[in-house]
Amino acid sequence: MHLAQSIRALRLRNGMSQRQLALRMSVPRTYVSKIENEKATPTLSSLERLARALEVSVPSLLSGGERSRQEEVRELMEDQFVAEVLPYISQLNGMQMSSILAQVRDLTVRPRRTA
């Protein structure tokens, strides 16, 4: 995946518009557009601001933001909600399981911020 595609995918995964990303980076929206359309190459400081705004590391940004399945599972298992629910999974009915899976899916798509 190219950097431009990676940035767009991460931005969309976080539910942000180009304008919102630009505001987080303190740059004009047109700069974000140019980066995503491969008409501008971000500087090193812009890469750092992009990564911070998209809540990923610079290496993750450069690799397309893809995490390994093991990394996703490890992060989920560290989540307090998942740890509390895990012992009760076998006792859930279909509707409850569906609700839990939706919440877990939300955790993988949009990780919660920690204070």
C-alpha atoms as a PDB file:
ATOM      1  CA  MET A   1       0.000   0.000   0.000  1.00  0.00           C
ATOM      2  CA  HIS A   2       1.334   3.452  -0.879  1.00  0.00           C
ATOM      3  CA  LEU A   3       1.671   6.156   1.752  1.00  0.00           C
ATOM      4  CA  ALA A   4      -1.156   8.214   0.231  1.00  0.00           C
ATOM      5  CA  GLN A   5      -3.525   5.226   0.341  1.00  0.00           C
ATOM      6  CA  SER A   6      -2.414   4.428   3.878  1.00  0.00           C
ATOM      7  CA  ILE A   7      -3.142   7.956   5.076  1.00  0.00           C
ATOM      8  CA  ARG A   8      -6.566   8.000   3.418  1.00  0.00           C
ATOM      9  CA  ALA A   9      -7.455   4.556   4.805  1.00  0.00           C
ATOM     10  CA  LEU A  10      -6.397   5.503   8.337  1.00  0.00           C
ATOM     11  CA  ARG A  11      -8.236   8.809   8.133  1.00  0.00           C
ATOM     12  CA  LEU A  12     -11.423   7.091   6.987  1.00  0.00           C
ATOM     13  CA  ARG A  13     -11.024   4.320   9.575  1.00  0.00           C
ATOM     14  CA  ASN A  14     -10.943   7.052  12.226  1.00  0.00           C
ATOM     15  CA  GLY A  15     -14.041   8.660  10.720  1.00  0.00           C
ATOM     16  CA  MET A  16     -12.259  11.919   9.924  1.00  0.00           C
ATOM     17  CA  SER A  17     -12.662  14.297   7.027  1.00  0.00           C
ATOM     18  CA  GLN A  18      -9.628  15.857   5.380  1.00  0.00           C
ATOM     19  CA  ARG A  19     -10.534  19.093   7.146  1.00  0.00           C
ATOM     20  CA  GLN A  20     -10.581  17.392  10.561  1.00  0.00           C
ATOM     21  CA  LEU A  21      -7.216  15.753   9.911  1.00  0.00           C
ATOM     22  CA  ALA A  22      -5.774  19.070   8.732  1.00  0.00           C
ATOM     23  CA  LEU A  23      -7.024  20.784  11.886  1.00  0.00           C
ATOM     24  CA  ARG A  24      -5.346  18.145  14.053  1.00  0.00           C
ATOM     25  CA  MET A  25      -2.124  18.679  12.129  1.00  0.00           C
ATOM     26  CA  SER A  26      -2.412  22.497  12.020  1.00  0.00           C
ATOM     27  CA  VAL A  27      -2.072  22.536   8.226  1.00  0.00           C
ATOM     28  CA  PRO A  28      -4.407  23.627   5.408  1.00  0.00           C
ATOM     29  CA  ARG A  29      -6.941  21.041   4.214  1.00  0.00           C
ATOM     30  CA  THR A  30      -5.475  21.318   0.738  1.00  0.00           C
ATOM     31  CA  TYR A  31      -2.153  19.962   2.080  1.00  0.00           C
ATOM     32  CA  VAL A  32      -3.882  16.785   3.267  1.00  0.00           C
ATOM     33  CA  SER A  33      -5.630  16.510  -0.104  1.00  0.00           C
ATOM     34  CA  LYS A  34      -2.338  16.899  -1.963  1.00  0.00           C
ATOM     35  CA  ILE A  35      -0.690  14.208   0.172  1.00  0.00           C
ATOM     36  CA  GLU A  36      -3.596  11.787  -0.339  1.00  0.00           C
ATOM     37  CA  ASN A  37      -3.560  12.446  -4.094  1.00  0.00           C
ATOM     38  CA  GLU A  38       0.241  12.049  -4.314  1.00  0.00           C
ATOM     39  CA  LYS A  39       0.724  15.655  -5.393  1.00  0.00           C
ATOM     40  CA  ALA A  40       2.824  16.430  -2.309  1.00  0.00           C
ATOM     41  CA  THR A  41       5.236  14.373  -0.256  1.00  0.00           C
ATOM     42  CA  PRO A  42       5.026  14.889   3.500  1.00  0.00           C
ATOM     43  CA  THR A  43       8.146  16.066   5.311  1.00  0.00           C
ATOM     44  CA  LEU A  44       9.456  14.110   8.289  1.00  0.00           C
ATOM     45  CA  SER A  45       7.781  16.521  10.693  1.00  0.00           C
ATOM     46  CA  SER A  46       4.531  16.192   8.724  1.00  0.00           C
ATOM     47  CA  LEU A  47       4.788  12.395   8.970  1.00  0.00           C
ATOM     48  CA  GLU A  48       5.086  12.708  12.743  1.00  0.00           C
ATOM     49  CA  ARG A  49       2.085  15.060  12.898  1.00  0.00           C
ATOM     50  CA  LEU A  50       0.097  12.771  10.578  1.00  0.00           C
ATOM     51  CA  ALA A  51       0.851   9.746  12.723  1.00  0.00           C
ATOM     52  CA  ARG A  52      -0.067  11.594  15.920  1.00  0.00           C
ATOM     53  CA  ALA A  53      -3.291  12.948  14.372  1.00  0.00           C
ATOM     54  CA  LEU A  54      -4.225   9.462  13.119  1.00  0.00           C
ATOM     55  CA  GLU A  55      -3.266   7.892  16.474  1.00  0.00           C
ATOM     56  CA  VAL A  56      -0.686   5.512  15.021  1.00  0.00           C
ATOM     57  CA  SER A  57       3.101   5.299  15.063  1.00  0.00           C
ATOM     58  CA  VAL A  58       5.165   6.559  12.130  1.00  0.00           C
ATOM     59  CA  PRO A  59       6.232   2.975  11.218  1.00  0.00           C
ATOM     60  CA  SER A  60       2.575   1.914  11.313  1.00  0.00           C
ATOM     61  CA  LEU A  61       1.677   4.870   9.092  1.00  0.00           C
ATOM     62  CA  LEU A  62       4.385   3.894   6.609  1.00  0.00           C
ATOM     63  CA  SER A  63       3.298   0.257   6.619  1.00  0.00           C
ATOM     64  CA  GLY A  64      -0.313   1.098   5.909  1.00  0.00           C
ATOM     65  CA  GLY A  65      -1.540   1.003   9.483  1.00  0.00           C
ATOM     66  CA  GLU A  66      -1.991  -2.734   9.263  1.00  0.00           C
ATOM     67  CA  ARG A  67      -1.543  -4.565  12.505  1.00  0.00           C
ATOM     68  CA  SER A  68      -0.907  -8.255  12.733  1.00  0.00           C
ATOM     69  CA  ARG A  69      -3.745 -10.433  13.956  1.00  0.00           C
ATOM     70  CA  GLN A  70      -1.644 -11.423  16.980  1.00  0.00           C
ATOM     71  CA  GLU A  71      -1.092  -7.769  17.844  1.00  0.00           C
ATOM     72  CA  GLU A  72      -4.836  -7.065  17.605  1.00  0.00           C
ATOM     73  CA  VAL A  73      -5.641 -10.064  19.822  1.00  0.00           C
ATOM     74  CA  ARG A  74      -2.980  -9.053  22.364  1.00  0.00           C
ATOM     75  CA  GLU A  75      -4.339  -5.495  22.532  1.00  0.00           C
ATOM     76  CA  LEU A  76      -7.906  -6.749  22.915  1.00  0.00           C
ATOM     77  CA  MET A  77      -6.910  -9.119  25.706  1.00  0.00           C
ATOM     78  CA  GLU A  78      -5.339  -6.177  27.554  1.00  0.00           C
ATOM     79  CA  ASP A  79      -8.621  -4.263  27.369  1.00  0.00           C
ATOM     80  CA  GLN A  80     -10.461  -4.225  30.703  1.00  0.00           C
ATOM     81  CA  PHE A  81     -13.880  -4.726  29.087  1.00  0.00           C
ATOM     82  CA  VAL A  82     -12.766  -7.812  27.166  1.00  0.00           C
ATOM     83  CA  ALA A  83     -10.992  -9.252  30.227  1.00  0.00           C
ATOM     84  CA  GLU A  84     -14.161  -8.869  32.316  1.00  0.00           C
ATOM     85  CA  VAL A  85     -16.456 -10.393  29.685  1.00  0.00           C
ATOM     86  CA  LEU A  86     -14.243 -13.317  28.641  1.00  0.00           C
ATOM     87  CA  PRO A  87     -15.251 -15.706  31.484  1.00  0.00           C
ATOM     88  CA  TYR A  88     -18.944 -15.298  30.572  1.00  0.00           C
ATOM     89  CA  ILE A  89     -18.746 -15.788  26.784  1.00  0.00           C
ATOM     90  CA  SER A  90     -19.952 -19.402  26.877  1.00  0.00           C
ATOM     91  CA  GLN A  91     -23.112 -18.366  28.780  1.00  0.00           C
ATOM     92  CA  LEU A  92     -24.281 -15.770  26.231  1.00  0.00           C
ATOM     93  CA  ASN A  93     -27.242 -16.208  23.896  1.00  0.00           C
ATOM     94  CA  GLY A  94     -27.084 -15.198  20.229  1.00  0.00           C
ATOM     95  CA  MET A  95     -28.263 -11.623  20.741  1.00  0.00           C
ATOM     96  CA  GLN A  96     -25.863 -11.028  23.622  1.00  0.00           C
ATOM     97  CA  MET A  97     -22.981 -12.528  21.637  1.00  0.00           C
ATOM     98  CA  SER A  98     -23.811 -10.280  18.691  1.00  0.00           C
ATOM     99  CA  SER A  99     -23.798  -7.210  20.946  1.00  0.00           C
ATOM    100  CA  ILE A 100     -20.462  -8.168  22.508  1.00  0.00           C
ATOM    101  CA  LEU A 101     -18.902  -8.855  19.107  1.00  0.00           C
ATOM    102  CA  ALA A 102     -20.069  -5.450  17.864  1.00  0.00           C
ATOM    103  CA  GLN A 103     -18.388  -3.789  20.841  1.00  0.00           C
ATOM    104  CA  VAL A 104     -15.187  -5.777  20.328  1.00  0.00           C
ATOM    105  CA  ARG A 105     -15.244  -4.869  16.625  1.00  0.00           C
ATOM    106  CA  ASP A 106     -15.520  -1.201  17.627  1.00  0.00           C
ATOM    107  CA  LEU A 107     -12.444  -1.617  19.820  1.00  0.00           C
ATOM    108  CA  THR A 108     -10.411  -2.916  16.891  1.00  0.00           C
ATOM    109  CA  VAL A 109     -11.618  -0.259  14.463  1.00  0.00           C
ATOM    110  CA  ARG A 110     -11.445   2.731  16.753  1.00  0.00           C
ATOM    111  CA  PRO A 111      -9.369   2.034  19.882  1.00  0.00           C
ATOM    112  CA  ARG A 112     -10.399   3.950  22.969  1.00  0.00           C
ATOM    113  CA  ARG A 113      -8.127   6.705  24.110  1.00  0.00           C
ATOM    114  CA  THR A 114      -6.520   6.383  27.486  1.00  0.00           C
ATOM    115  CA  ALA A 115      -6.041   9.345  29.782  1.00  0.00           C
END
